[in-house]
Amino acid sequence: EYSFEILDAIETDEARYLALLPTFQDPQKMLDDSGELVIVKVGE
């Protein structure tokens, strides 16, 4: 399991998308992370 903060959402005619940022309990892991956005497509 991985935890993410939802930063933003975009909805198009075809689908809904989320921009996520990884979150960490350990502050050192947060500092070591690349900070790269994770983008996912939402389905139901």
PDB file of all heavy atoms in Angstrom:
ATOM      1  N   GLU A   1       0.814  -1.205   0.000  1.00  0.00           N
ATOM      2  CA  GLU A   1       0.000   0.000   0.000  1.00  0.00           C
ATOM      3  C   GLU A   1       0.851   1.260   0.000  1.00  0.00           C
ATOM      4  O   GLU A   1       1.914   1.308   0.618  1.00  0.00           O
ATOM      5  CB  GLU A   1      -0.935   0.011   1.207  1.00  0.00           C
ATOM      6  CG  GLU A   1      -1.983  -1.069   1.155  1.00  0.00           C
ATOM      7  CD  GLU A   1      -2.982  -0.987   2.282  1.00  0.00           C
ATOM      8  OE1 GLU A   1      -2.698  -0.335   3.321  1.00  0.00           O
ATOM      9  OE2 GLU A   1      -4.063  -1.577   2.141  1.00  0.00           O
ATOM     10  N   TYR A   2       0.342   2.268  -0.712  1.00  0.00           N
ATOM     11  CA  TYR A   2       0.986   3.575  -0.813  1.00  0.00           C
ATOM     12  C   TYR A   2      -0.069   4.642  -0.571  1.00  0.00           C
ATOM     13  O   TYR A   2      -1.213   4.503  -1.026  1.00  0.00           O
ATOM     14  CB  TYR A   2       1.589   3.781  -2.205  1.00  0.00           C
ATOM     15  CG  TYR A   2       2.609   2.736  -2.575  1.00  0.00           C
ATOM     16  CD1 TYR A   2       2.229   1.554  -3.210  1.00  0.00           C
ATOM     17  CD2 TYR A   2       3.949   2.927  -2.285  1.00  0.00           C
ATOM     18  CE1 TYR A   2       3.167   0.596  -3.552  1.00  0.00           C
ATOM     19  CE2 TYR A   2       4.893   1.971  -2.625  1.00  0.00           C
ATOM     20  CZ  TYR A   2       4.492   0.808  -3.258  1.00  0.00           C
ATOM     21  OH  TYR A   2       5.422  -0.150  -3.589  1.00  0.00           O
ATOM     22  N   SER A   3       0.309   5.714   0.109  1.00  0.00           N
ATOM     23  CA  SER A   3      -0.612   6.819   0.373  1.00  0.00           C
ATOM     24  C   SER A   3      -0.274   7.996  -0.530  1.00  0.00           C
ATOM     25  O   SER A   3       0.906   8.287  -0.777  1.00  0.00           O
ATOM     26  CB  SER A   3      -0.523   7.267   1.830  1.00  0.00           C
ATOM     27  OG  SER A   3      -0.984   6.242   2.673  1.00  0.00           O
ATOM     28  N   PHE A   4      -1.321   8.660  -1.008  1.00  0.00           N
ATOM     29  CA  PHE A   4      -1.167   9.797  -1.897  1.00  0.00           C
ATOM     30  C   PHE A   4      -2.109  10.912  -1.486  1.00  0.00           C
ATOM     31  O   PHE A   4      -3.237  10.661  -1.042  1.00  0.00           O
ATOM     32  CB  PHE A   4      -1.522   9.415  -3.345  1.00  0.00           C
ATOM     33  CG  PHE A   4      -0.624   8.377  -3.932  1.00  0.00           C
ATOM     34  CD1 PHE A   4      -0.933   7.033  -3.814  1.00  0.00           C
ATOM     35  CD2 PHE A   4       0.527   8.736  -4.608  1.00  0.00           C
ATOM     36  CE1 PHE A   4      -0.112   6.059  -4.366  1.00  0.00           C
ATOM     37  CE2 PHE A   4       1.358   7.771  -5.160  1.00  0.00           C
ATOM     38  CZ  PHE A   4       1.035   6.436  -5.036  1.00  0.00           C
ATOM     39  N   GLU A   5      -1.656  12.147  -1.704  1.00  0.00           N
ATOM     40  CA  GLU A   5      -2.517  13.308  -1.544  1.00  0.00           C
ATOM     41  C   GLU A   5      -3.073  13.651  -2.920  1.00  0.00           C
ATOM     42  O   GLU A   5      -2.330  13.721  -3.904  1.00  0.00           O
ATOM     43  CB  GLU A   5      -1.727  14.495  -1.003  1.00  0.00           C
ATOM     44  CG  GLU A   5      -2.568  15.743  -0.874  1.00  0.00           C
ATOM     45  CD  GLU A   5      -1.787  16.942  -0.376  1.00  0.00           C
ATOM     46  OE1 GLU A   5      -0.611  16.801   0.006  1.00  0.00           O
ATOM     47  OE2 GLU A   5      -2.372  18.032  -0.364  1.00  0.00           O
ATOM     48  N   ILE A   6      -4.381  13.859  -2.991  1.00  0.00           N
ATOM     49  CA  ILE A   6      -5.001  14.275  -4.245  1.00  0.00           C
ATOM     50  C   ILE A   6      -4.784  15.781  -4.384  1.00  0.00           C
ATOM     51  O   ILE A   6      -5.266  16.564  -3.572  1.00  0.00           O
ATOM     52  CB  ILE A   6      -6.509  13.956  -4.264  1.00  0.00           C
ATOM     53  CG1 ILE A   6      -6.737  12.453  -4.101  1.00  0.00           C
ATOM     54  CG2 ILE A   6      -7.136  14.477  -5.560  1.00  0.00           C
ATOM     55  CD1 ILE A   6      -8.192  12.061  -3.926  1.00  0.00           C
ATOM     56  N   LEU A   7      -4.022  16.167  -5.411  1.00  0.00           N
ATOM     57  CA  LEU A   7      -3.730  17.579  -5.636  1.00  0.00           C
ATOM     58  C   LEU A   7      -4.759  18.248  -6.532  1.00  0.00           C
ATOM     59  O   LEU A   7      -5.084  19.418  -6.352  1.00  0.00           O
ATOM     60  CB  LEU A   7      -2.347  17.749  -6.267  1.00  0.00           C
ATOM     61  CG  LEU A   7      -1.163  17.319  -5.434  1.00  0.00           C
ATOM     62  CD1 LEU A   7       0.126  17.587  -6.194  1.00  0.00           C
ATOM     63  CD2 LEU A   7      -1.150  18.029  -4.089  1.00  0.00           C
ATOM     64  N   ASP A   8      -5.258  17.506  -7.530  1.00  0.00           N
ATOM     65  CA  ASP A   8      -6.174  18.099  -8.494  1.00  0.00           C
ATOM     66  C   ASP A   8      -6.909  16.986  -9.228  1.00  0.00           C
ATOM     67  O   ASP A   8      -6.469  15.835  -9.223  1.00  0.00           O
ATOM     68  CB  ASP A   8      -5.382  18.955  -9.492  1.00  0.00           C
ATOM     69  CG  ASP A   8      -6.240  19.948 -10.268  1.00  0.00           C
ATOM     70  OD1 ASP A   8      -7.449  20.065  -9.982  1.00  0.00           O
ATOM     71  OD2 ASP A   8      -5.693  20.615 -11.167  1.00  0.00           O
ATOM     72  N   ALA A   9      -8.010  17.350  -9.861  1.00  0.00           N
ATOM     73  CA  ALA A   9      -8.791  16.417 -10.674  1.00  0.00           C
ATOM     74  C   ALA A   9      -9.202  17.126 -11.951  1.00  0.00           C
ATOM     75  O   ALA A   9      -9.499  18.319 -11.949  1.00  0.00           O
ATOM     76  CB  ALA A   9     -10.019  15.937  -9.913  1.00  0.00           C
ATOM     77  N   ILE A  10      -9.195  16.376 -13.040  1.00  0.00           N
ATOM     78  CA  ILE A  10      -9.650  16.879 -14.332  1.00  0.00           C
ATOM     79  C   ILE A  10     -10.681  15.896 -14.857  1.00  0.00           C
ATOM     80  O   ILE A  10     -10.464  14.688 -14.827  1.00  0.00           O
ATOM     81  CB  ILE A  10      -8.485  16.999 -15.337  1.00  0.00           C
ATOM     82  CG1 ILE A  10      -7.512  18.094 -14.910  1.00  0.00           C
ATOM     83  CG2 ILE A  10      -9.012  17.264 -16.747  1.00  0.00           C
ATOM     84  CD1 ILE A  10      -6.293  18.226 -15.800  1.00  0.00           C
ATOM     85  N   GLU A  11     -11.779  16.442 -15.342  1.00  0.00           N
ATOM     86  CA  GLU A  11     -12.799  15.605 -15.949  1.00  0.00           C
ATOM     87  C   GLU A  11     -12.957  16.006 -17.408  1.00  0.00           C
ATOM     88  O   GLU A  11     -13.108  17.183 -17.720  1.00  0.00           O
ATOM     89  CB  GLU A  11     -14.130  15.760 -15.204  1.00  0.00           C
ATOM     90  CG  GLU A  11     -15.099  14.683 -15.562  1.00  0.00           C
ATOM     91  CD  GLU A  11     -16.131  14.449 -14.492  1.00  0.00           C
ATOM     92  OE1 GLU A  11     -15.885  14.775 -13.312  1.00  0.00           O
ATOM     93  OE2 GLU A  11     -17.201  13.936 -14.837  1.00  0.00           O
ATOM     94  N   THR A  12     -12.875  15.023 -18.294  1.00  0.00           N
ATOM     95  CA  THR A  12     -13.069  15.254 -19.719  1.00  0.00           C
ATOM     96  C   THR A  12     -14.350  14.531 -20.139  1.00  0.00           C
ATOM     97  O   THR A  12     -14.999  13.878 -19.314  1.00  0.00           O
ATOM     98  CB  THR A  12     -11.886  14.707 -20.544  1.00  0.00           C
ATOM     99  OG1 THR A  12     -11.877  13.277 -20.451  1.00  0.00           O
ATOM    100  CG2 THR A  12     -10.553  15.267 -20.060  1.00  0.00           C
ATOM    101  N   ASP A  13     -14.675  14.615 -21.414  1.00  0.00           N
ATOM    102  CA  ASP A  13     -15.840  13.885 -21.918  1.00  0.00           C
ATOM    103  C   ASP A  13     -15.640  12.377 -21.817  1.00  0.00           C
ATOM    104  O   ASP A  13     -16.589  11.627 -21.697  1.00  0.00           O
ATOM    105  CB  ASP A  13     -16.122  14.261 -23.380  1.00  0.00           C
ATOM    106  CG  ASP A  13     -16.600  15.690 -23.525  1.00  0.00           C
ATOM    107  OD1 ASP A  13     -17.112  16.260 -22.534  1.00  0.00           O
ATOM    108  OD2 ASP A  13     -16.471  16.253 -24.636  1.00  0.00           O
ATOM    109  N   GLU A  14     -14.364  11.949 -21.854  1.00  0.00           N
ATOM    110  CA  GLU A  14     -14.064  10.520 -21.853  1.00  0.00           C
ATOM    111  C   GLU A  14     -13.831   9.931 -20.465  1.00  0.00           C
ATOM    112  O   GLU A  14     -14.152   8.789 -20.212  1.00  0.00           O
ATOM    113  CB  GLU A  14     -12.810  10.232 -22.704  1.00  0.00           C
ATOM    114  CG  GLU A  14     -12.988  10.466 -24.186  1.00  0.00           C
ATOM    115  CD  GLU A  14     -12.816  11.937 -24.560  1.00  0.00           C
ATOM    116  OE1 GLU A  14     -11.998  12.624 -23.928  1.00  0.00           O
ATOM    117  OE2 GLU A  14     -13.518  12.396 -25.470  1.00  0.00           O
ATOM    118  N   ALA A  15     -13.232  10.713 -19.556  1.00  0.00           N
ATOM    119  CA  ALA A  15     -12.840  10.135 -18.270  1.00  0.00           C
ATOM    120  C   ALA A  15     -12.525  11.217 -17.242  1.00  0.00           C
ATOM    121  O   ALA A  15     -12.504  12.402 -17.552  1.00  0.00           O
ATOM    122  CB  ALA A  15     -11.614   9.239 -18.457  1.00  0.00           C
ATOM    123  N   ARG A  16     -12.252  10.759 -16.027  1.00  0.00           N
ATOM    124  CA  ARG A  16     -11.820  11.624 -14.930  1.00  0.00           C
ATOM    125  C   ARG A  16     -10.411  11.187 -14.539  1.00  0.00           C
ATOM    126  O   ARG A  16     -10.095   9.990 -14.519  1.00  0.00           O
ATOM    127  CB  ARG A  16     -12.782  11.456 -13.753  1.00  0.00           C
ATOM    128  CG  ARG A  16     -12.502  12.358 -12.589  1.00  0.00           C
ATOM    129  CD  ARG A  16     -13.671  12.306 -11.590  1.00  0.00           C
ATOM    130  NE  ARG A  16     -13.224  12.835 -10.343  1.00  0.00           N
ATOM    131  CZ  ARG A  16     -13.090  12.142  -9.226  1.00  0.00           C
ATOM    132  NH1 ARG A  16     -13.427  10.874  -9.190  1.00  0.00           N
ATOM    133  NH2 ARG A  16     -12.657  12.700  -8.134  1.00  0.00           N
ATOM    134  N   TYR A  17      -9.560  12.175 -14.214  1.00  0.00           N
ATOM    135  CA  TYR A  17      -8.166  11.916 -13.884  1.00  0.00           C
ATOM    136  C   TYR A  17      -7.809  12.617 -12.584  1.00  0.00           C
ATOM    137  O   TYR A  17      -8.359  13.673 -12.272  1.00  0.00           O
ATOM    138  CB  TYR A  17      -7.247  12.438 -14.996  1.00  0.00           C
ATOM    139  CG  TYR A  17      -7.568  11.875 -16.352  1.00  0.00           C
ATOM    140  CD1 TYR A  17      -8.493  12.506 -17.187  1.00  0.00           C
ATOM    141  CD2 TYR A  17      -6.955  10.722 -16.816  1.00  0.00           C
ATOM    142  CE1 TYR A  17      -8.802  11.989 -18.436  1.00  0.00           C
ATOM    143  CE2 TYR A  17      -7.251  10.197 -18.061  1.00  0.00           C
ATOM    144  CZ  TYR A  17      -8.173  10.844 -18.869  1.00  0.00           C
ATOM    145  OH  TYR A  17      -8.473  10.326 -20.112  1.00  0.00           O
ATOM    146  N   LEU A  18      -6.853  12.032 -11.859  1.00  0.00           N
ATOM    147  CA  LEU A  18      -6.366  12.635 -10.618  1.00  0.00           C
ATOM    148  C   LEU A  18      -4.860  12.826 -10.686  1.00  0.00           C
ATOM    149  O   LEU A  18      -4.145  11.960 -11.200  1.00  0.00           O
ATOM    150  CB  LEU A  18      -6.675  11.734  -9.416  1.00  0.00           C
ATOM    151  CG  LEU A  18      -8.136  11.437  -9.102  1.00  0.00           C
ATOM    152  CD1 LEU A  18      -8.222  10.473  -7.921  1.00  0.00           C
ATOM    153  CD2 LEU A  18      -8.902  12.707  -8.821  1.00  0.00           C
ATOM    154  N   ALA A  19      -4.403  13.955 -10.156  1.00  0.00           N
ATOM    155  CA  ALA A  19      -2.970  14.188  -9.959  1.00  0.00           C
ATOM    156  C   ALA A  19      -2.692  13.920  -8.485  1.00  0.00           C
ATOM    157  O   ALA A  19      -3.300  14.528  -7.605  1.00  0.00           O
ATOM    158  CB  ALA A  19      -2.600  15.624 -10.321  1.00  0.00           C
ATOM    159  N   LEU A  20      -1.784  12.993  -8.227  1.00  0.00           N
ATOM    160  CA  LEU A  20      -1.490  12.544  -6.871  1.00  0.00           C
ATOM    161  C   LEU A  20      -0.033  12.828  -6.523  1.00  0.00           C
ATOM    162  O   LEU A  20       0.846  12.773  -7.385  1.00  0.00           O
ATOM    163  CB  LEU A  20      -1.736  11.040  -6.750  1.00  0.00           C
ATOM    164  CG  LEU A  20      -3.081  10.513  -7.226  1.00  0.00           C
ATOM    165  CD1 LEU A  20      -3.088   8.984  -7.184  1.00  0.00           C
ATOM    166  CD2 LEU A  20      -4.208  11.079  -6.384  1.00  0.00           C
ATOM    167  N   LEU A  21       0.199  13.072  -5.250  1.00  0.00           N
ATOM    168  CA  LEU A  21       1.552  13.266  -4.736  1.00  0.00           C
ATOM    169  C   LEU A  21       1.759  12.261  -3.603  1.00  0.00           C
ATOM    170  O   LEU A  21       0.945  12.203  -2.679  1.00  0.00           O
ATOM    171  CB  LEU A  21       1.735  14.691  -4.220  1.00  0.00           C
ATOM    172  CG  LEU A  21       3.137  15.092  -3.812  1.00  0.00           C
ATOM    173  CD1 LEU A  21       4.074  15.082  -5.027  1.00  0.00           C
ATOM    174  CD2 LEU A  21       3.127  16.482  -3.199  1.00  0.00           C
ATOM    175  N   PRO A  22       2.819  11.446  -3.671  1.00  0.00           N
ATOM    176  CA  PRO A  22       3.059  10.470  -2.597  1.00  0.00           C
ATOM    177  C   PRO A  22       3.213  11.165  -1.245  1.00  0.00           C
ATOM    178  O   PRO A  22       3.770  12.255  -1.155  1.00  0.00           O
ATOM    179  CB  PRO A  22       4.370   9.802  -3.006  1.00  0.00           C
ATOM    180  CG  PRO A  22       4.516  10.069  -4.465  1.00  0.00           C
ATOM    181  CD  PRO A  22       3.848  11.386  -4.712  1.00  0.00           C
ATOM    182  N   THR A  23       2.693  10.526  -0.206  1.00  0.00           N
ATOM    183  CA  THR A  23       2.862  11.024   1.155  1.00  0.00           C
ATOM    184  C   THR A  23       3.590   9.950   1.967  1.00  0.00           C
ATOM    185  O   THR A  23       3.507   8.765   1.659  1.00  0.00           O
ATOM    186  CB  THR A  23       1.519  11.349   1.837  1.00  0.00           C
ATOM    187  OG1 THR A  23       0.747  10.157   1.952  1.00  0.00           O
ATOM    188  CG2 THR A  23       0.746  12.400   1.061  1.00  0.00           C
ATOM    189  N   PHE A  24       4.294  10.400   2.997  1.00  0.00           N
ATOM    190  CA  PHE A  24       5.094   9.484   3.799  1.00  0.00           C
ATOM    191  C   PHE A  24       4.960   9.836   5.275  1.00  0.00           C
ATOM    192  O   PHE A  24       4.885  11.006   5.628  1.00  0.00           O
ATOM    193  CB  PHE A  24       6.573   9.576   3.398  1.00  0.00           C
ATOM    194  CG  PHE A  24       6.815   9.282   1.943  1.00  0.00           C
ATOM    195  CD1 PHE A  24       6.880  10.313   1.017  1.00  0.00           C
ATOM    196  CD2 PHE A  24       6.960   7.985   1.509  1.00  0.00           C
ATOM    197  CE1 PHE A  24       7.099  10.052  -0.328  1.00  0.00           C
ATOM    198  CE2 PHE A  24       7.180   7.709   0.167  1.00  0.00           C
ATOM    199  CZ  PHE A  24       7.249   8.750  -0.749  1.00  0.00           C
ATOM    200  N   GLN A  25       4.978   8.815   6.128  1.00  0.00           N
ATOM    201  CA  GLN A  25       4.992   9.022   7.573  1.00  0.00           C
ATOM    202  C   GLN A  25       6.385   9.461   8.024  1.00  0.00           C
ATOM    203  O   GLN A  25       6.535  10.262   8.925  1.00  0.00           O
ATOM    204  CB  GLN A  25       4.591   7.740   8.315  1.00  0.00           C
ATOM    205  CG  GLN A  25       3.184   7.292   8.048  1.00  0.00           C
ATOM    206  CD  GLN A  25       2.163   8.241   8.628  1.00  0.00           C
ATOM    207  OE1 GLN A  25       2.401   8.886   9.639  1.00  0.00           O
ATOM    208  NE2 GLN A  25       1.021   8.341   7.979  1.00  0.00           N
ATOM    209  N   ASP A  26       7.404   8.906   7.372  1.00  0.00           N
ATOM    210  CA  ASP A  26       8.794   9.180   7.718  1.00  0.00           C
ATOM    211  C   ASP A  26       9.265  10.432   6.966  1.00  0.00           C
ATOM    212  O   ASP A  26       9.316  10.433   5.739  1.00  0.00           O
ATOM    213  CB  ASP A  26       9.647   7.974   7.328  1.00  0.00           C
ATOM    214  CG  ASP A  26      11.127   8.162   7.623  1.00  0.00           C
ATOM    215  OD1 ASP A  26      11.541   9.253   8.072  1.00  0.00           O
ATOM    216  OD2 ASP A  26      11.885   7.199   7.399  1.00  0.00           O
ATOM    217  N   PRO A  27       9.617  11.500   7.681  1.00  0.00           N
ATOM    218  CA  PRO A  27      10.068  12.733   7.017  1.00  0.00           C
ATOM    219  C   PRO A  27      11.272  12.521   6.098  1.00  0.00           C
ATOM    220  O   PRO A  27      11.389  13.178   5.070  1.00  0.00           O
ATOM    221  CB  PRO A  27      10.430  13.661   8.177  1.00  0.00           C
ATOM    222  CG  PRO A  27       9.720  13.112   9.357  1.00  0.00           C
ATOM    223  CD  PRO A  27       9.587  11.643   9.123  1.00  0.00           C
ATOM    224  N   GLN A  28      12.167  11.602   6.435  1.00  0.00           N
ATOM    225  CA  GLN A  28      13.332  11.349   5.582  1.00  0.00           C
ATOM    226  C   GLN A  28      12.910  10.779   4.239  1.00  0.00           C
ATOM    227  O   GLN A  28      13.453  11.134   3.200  1.00  0.00           O
ATOM    228  CB  GLN A  28      14.329  10.418   6.273  1.00  0.00           C
ATOM    229  CG  GLN A  28      15.619  10.248   5.490  1.00  0.00           C
ATOM    230  CD  GLN A  28      16.356  11.565   5.281  1.00  0.00           C
ATOM    231  OE1 GLN A  28      16.540  12.345   6.212  1.00  0.00           O
ATOM    232  NE2 GLN A  28      16.763  11.834   4.050  1.00  0.00           N
ATOM    233  N   LYS A  29      11.918   9.886   4.242  1.00  0.00           N
ATOM    234  CA  LYS A  29      11.427   9.327   2.978  1.00  0.00           C
ATOM    235  C   LYS A  29      10.802  10.421   2.115  1.00  0.00           C
ATOM    236  O   LYS A  29      10.920  10.400   0.897  1.00  0.00           O
ATOM    237  CB  LYS A  29      10.414   8.211   3.241  1.00  0.00           C
ATOM    238  CG  LYS A  29      11.042   6.940   3.724  1.00  0.00           C
ATOM    239  CD  LYS A  29      10.014   5.841   3.871  1.00  0.00           C
ATOM    240  CE  LYS A  29      10.672   4.564   4.340  1.00  0.00           C
ATOM    241  NZ  LYS A  29       9.713   3.470   4.511  1.00  0.00           N
ATOM    242  N   MET A  30      10.150  11.380   2.751  1.00  0.00           N
ATOM    243  CA  MET A  30       9.563  12.494   2.012  1.00  0.00           C
ATOM    244  C   MET A  30      10.673  13.312   1.343  1.00  0.00           C
ATOM    245  O   MET A  30      10.552  13.709   0.190  1.00  0.00           O
ATOM    246  CB  MET A  30       8.739  13.389   2.934  1.00  0.00           C
ATOM    247  CG  MET A  30       7.969  14.441   2.183  1.00  0.00           C
ATOM    248  SD  MET A  30       6.918  15.541   3.179  1.00  0.00           S
ATOM    249  CE  MET A  30       6.682  14.744   4.707  1.00  0.00           C
ATOM    250  N   LEU A  31      11.758  13.549   2.066  1.00  0.00           N
ATOM    251  CA  LEU A  31      12.880  14.303   1.507  1.00  0.00           C
ATOM    252  C   LEU A  31      13.572  13.539   0.381  1.00  0.00           C
ATOM    253  O   LEU A  31      14.049  14.133  -0.583  1.00  0.00           O
ATOM    254  CB  LEU A  31      13.893  14.645   2.597  1.00  0.00           C
ATOM    255  CG  LEU A  31      13.432  15.647   3.644  1.00  0.00           C
ATOM    256  CD1 LEU A  31      14.469  15.750   4.758  1.00  0.00           C
ATOM    257  CD2 LEU A  31      13.172  17.011   3.028  1.00  0.00           C
ATOM    258  N   ASP A  32      13.637  12.221   0.490  1.00  0.00           N
ATOM    259  CA  ASP A  32      14.297  11.388  -0.509  1.00  0.00           C
ATOM    260  C   ASP A  32      13.452  11.177  -1.765  1.00  0.00           C
ATOM    261  O   ASP A  32      13.985  10.823  -2.815  1.00  0.00           O
ATOM    262  CB  ASP A  32      14.650  10.021   0.081  1.00  0.00           C
ATOM    263  CG  ASP A  32      15.714  10.121   1.166  1.00  0.00           C
ATOM    264  OD1 ASP A  32      16.423  11.154   1.221  1.00  0.00           O
ATOM    265  OD2 ASP A  32      15.813   9.170   1.970  1.00  0.00           O
ATOM    266  N   ASP A  33      12.141  11.392  -1.676  1.00  0.00           N
ATOM    267  CA  ASP A  33      11.236  11.165  -2.806  1.00  0.00           C
ATOM    268  C   ASP A  33      11.495  12.188  -3.910  1.00  0.00           C
ATOM    269  O   ASP A  33      11.858  13.332  -3.655  1.00  0.00           O
ATOM    270  CB  ASP A  33       9.783  11.258  -2.337  1.00  0.00           C
ATOM    271  CG  ASP A  33       8.804  10.941  -3.452  1.00  0.00           C
ATOM    272  OD1 ASP A  33       8.804   9.781  -3.914  1.00  0.00           O
ATOM    273  OD2 ASP A  33       8.064  11.856  -3.865  1.00  0.00           O
ATOM    274  N   SER A  34      11.250  11.790  -5.145  1.00  0.00           N
ATOM    275  CA  SER A  34      11.472  12.675  -6.300  1.00  0.00           C
ATOM    276  C   SER A  34      10.435  13.794  -6.373  1.00  0.00           C
ATOM    277  O   SER A  34      10.661  14.792  -7.051  1.00  0.00           O
ATOM    278  CB  SER A  34      11.416  11.862  -7.592  1.00  0.00           C
ATOM    279  OG  SER A  34      10.088  11.392  -7.820  1.00  0.00           O
ATOM    280  N   GLY A  35       9.296  13.619  -5.705  1.00  0.00           N
ATOM    281  CA  GLY A  35       8.252  14.632  -5.752  1.00  0.00           C
ATOM    282  C   GLY A  35       7.480  14.619  -7.060  1.00  0.00           C
ATOM    283  O   GLY A  35       6.734  15.548  -7.367  1.00  0.00           O
ATOM    284  N   GLU A  36       7.646  13.560  -7.833  1.00  0.00           N
ATOM    285  CA  GLU A  36       7.001  13.451  -9.126  1.00  0.00           C
ATOM    286  C   GLU A  36       5.508  13.167  -8.950  1.00  0.00           C
ATOM    287  O   GLU A  36       5.100  12.363  -8.106  1.00  0.00           O
ATOM    288  CB  GLU A  36       7.642  12.298  -9.906  1.00  0.00           C
ATOM    289  CG  GLU A  36       7.662  12.507 -11.386  1.00  0.00           C
ATOM    290  CD  GLU A  36       8.487  11.437 -12.069  1.00  0.00           C
ATOM    291  OE1 GLU A  36       9.720  11.447 -11.915  1.00  0.00           O
ATOM    292  OE2 GLU A  36       7.876  10.597 -12.738  1.00  0.00           O
ATOM    293  N   LEU A  37       4.691  13.844  -9.772  1.00  0.00           N
ATOM    294  CA  LEU A  37       3.250  13.598  -9.743  1.00  0.00           C
ATOM    295  C   LEU A  37       2.942  12.210 -10.261  1.00  0.00           C
ATOM    296  O   LEU A  37       3.589  11.722 -11.180  1.00  0.00           O
ATOM    297  CB  LEU A  37       2.514  14.600 -10.637  1.00  0.00           C
ATOM    298  CG  LEU A  37       2.373  16.024 -10.176  1.00  0.00           C
ATOM    299  CD1 LEU A  37       1.630  16.838 -11.230  1.00  0.00           C
ATOM    300  CD2 LEU A  37       1.657  16.108  -8.854  1.00  0.00           C
ATOM    301  N   VAL A  38       1.941  11.600  -9.673  1.00  0.00           N
ATOM    302  CA  VAL A  38       1.402  10.343 -10.168  1.00  0.00           C
ATOM    303  C   VAL A  38       0.027  10.684 -10.730  1.00  0.00           C
ATOM    304  O   VAL A  38      -0.793  11.286 -10.039  1.00  0.00           O
ATOM    305  CB  VAL A  38       1.280   9.298  -9.032  1.00  0.00           C
ATOM    306  CG1 VAL A  38       0.602   8.042  -9.533  1.00  0.00           C
ATOM    307  CG2 VAL A  38       2.653   8.999  -8.451  1.00  0.00           C
ATOM    308  N   ILE A  39      -0.191  10.327 -11.988  1.00  0.00           N
ATOM    309  CA  ILE A  39      -1.469  10.637 -12.636  1.00  0.00           C
ATOM    310  C   ILE A  39      -2.183   9.332 -12.922  1.00  0.00           C
ATOM    311  O   ILE A  39      -1.616   8.421 -13.523  1.00  0.00           O
ATOM    312  CB  ILE A  39      -1.243  11.443 -13.929  1.00  0.00           C
ATOM    313  CG1 ILE A  39      -0.528  12.753 -13.593  1.00  0.00           C
ATOM    314  CG2 ILE A  39      -2.564  11.702 -14.644  1.00  0.00           C
ATOM    315  CD1 ILE A  39      -0.081  13.538 -14.787  1.00  0.00           C
ATOM    316  N   VAL A  40      -3.435   9.260 -12.470  1.00  0.00           N
ATOM    317  CA  VAL A  40      -4.230   8.051 -12.675  1.00  0.00           C
ATOM    318  C   VAL A  40      -5.559   8.403 -13.326  1.00  0.00           C
ATOM    319  O   VAL A  40      -6.043   9.525 -13.223  1.00  0.00           O
ATOM    320  CB  VAL A  40      -4.489   7.289 -11.351  1.00  0.00           C
ATOM    321  CG1 VAL A  40      -3.202   6.756 -10.765  1.00  0.00           C
ATOM    322  CG2 VAL A  40      -5.231   8.147 -10.353  1.00  0.00           C
ATOM    323  N   LYS A  41      -6.107   7.410 -13.981  1.00  0.00           N
ATOM    324  CA  LYS A  41      -7.427   7.517 -14.605  1.00  0.00           C
ATOM    325  C   LYS A  41      -8.418   6.864 -13.651  1.00  0.00           C
ATOM    326  O   LYS A  41      -8.139   5.800 -13.087  1.00  0.00           O
ATOM    327  CB  LYS A  41      -7.399   6.790 -15.949  1.00  0.00           C
ATOM    328  CG  LYS A  41      -8.611   6.952 -16.798  1.00  0.00           C
ATOM    329  CD  LYS A  41      -8.346   6.274 -18.139  1.00  0.00           C
ATOM    330  CE  LYS A  41      -9.417   6.607 -19.139  1.00  0.00           C
ATOM    331  NZ  LYS A  41      -9.081   6.051 -20.470  1.00  0.00           N
ATOM    332  N   VAL A  42      -9.554   7.498 -13.459  1.00  0.00           N
ATOM    333  CA  VAL A  42     -10.563   6.987 -12.531  1.00  0.00           C
ATOM    334  C   VAL A  42     -11.636   6.266 -13.331  1.00  0.00           C
ATOM    335  O   VAL A  42     -12.172   6.797 -14.306  1.00  0.00           O
ATOM    336  CB  VAL A  42     -11.196   8.131 -11.715  1.00  0.00           C
ATOM    337  CG1 VAL A  42     -12.231   7.584 -10.743  1.00  0.00           C
ATOM    338  CG2 VAL A  42     -10.136   8.931 -10.988  1.00  0.00           C
ATOM    339  N   GLY A  43     -11.943   5.061 -12.913  1.00  0.00           N
ATOM    340  CA  GLY A  43     -13.023   4.296 -13.520  1.00  0.00           C
ATOM    341  C   GLY A  43     -14.014   3.899 -12.450  1.00  0.00           C
ATOM    342  O   GLY A  43     -13.718   3.959 -11.256  1.00  0.00           O
ATOM    343  N   GLU A  44     -15.202   3.519 -12.867  1.00  0.00           N
ATOM    344  CA  GLU A  44     -16.211   3.092 -11.912  1.00  0.00           C
ATOM    345  C   GLU A  44     -16.811   1.777 -12.376  1.00  0.00           C
ATOM    346  O   GLU A  44     -17.095   1.589 -13.552  1.00  0.00           O
ATOM    347  CB  GLU A  44     -17.314   4.147 -11.795  1.00  0.00           C
ATOM    348  CG  GLU A  44     -18.247   3.876 -10.646  1.00  0.00           C
ATOM    349  CD  GLU A  44     -19.241   5.003 -10.432  1.00  0.00           C
ATOM    350  OE1 GLU A  44     -18.829   6.170 -10.428  1.00  0.00           O
ATOM    351  OE2 GLU A  44     -20.432   4.678 -10.272  1.00  0.00           O
TER     352      GLU A  44
END
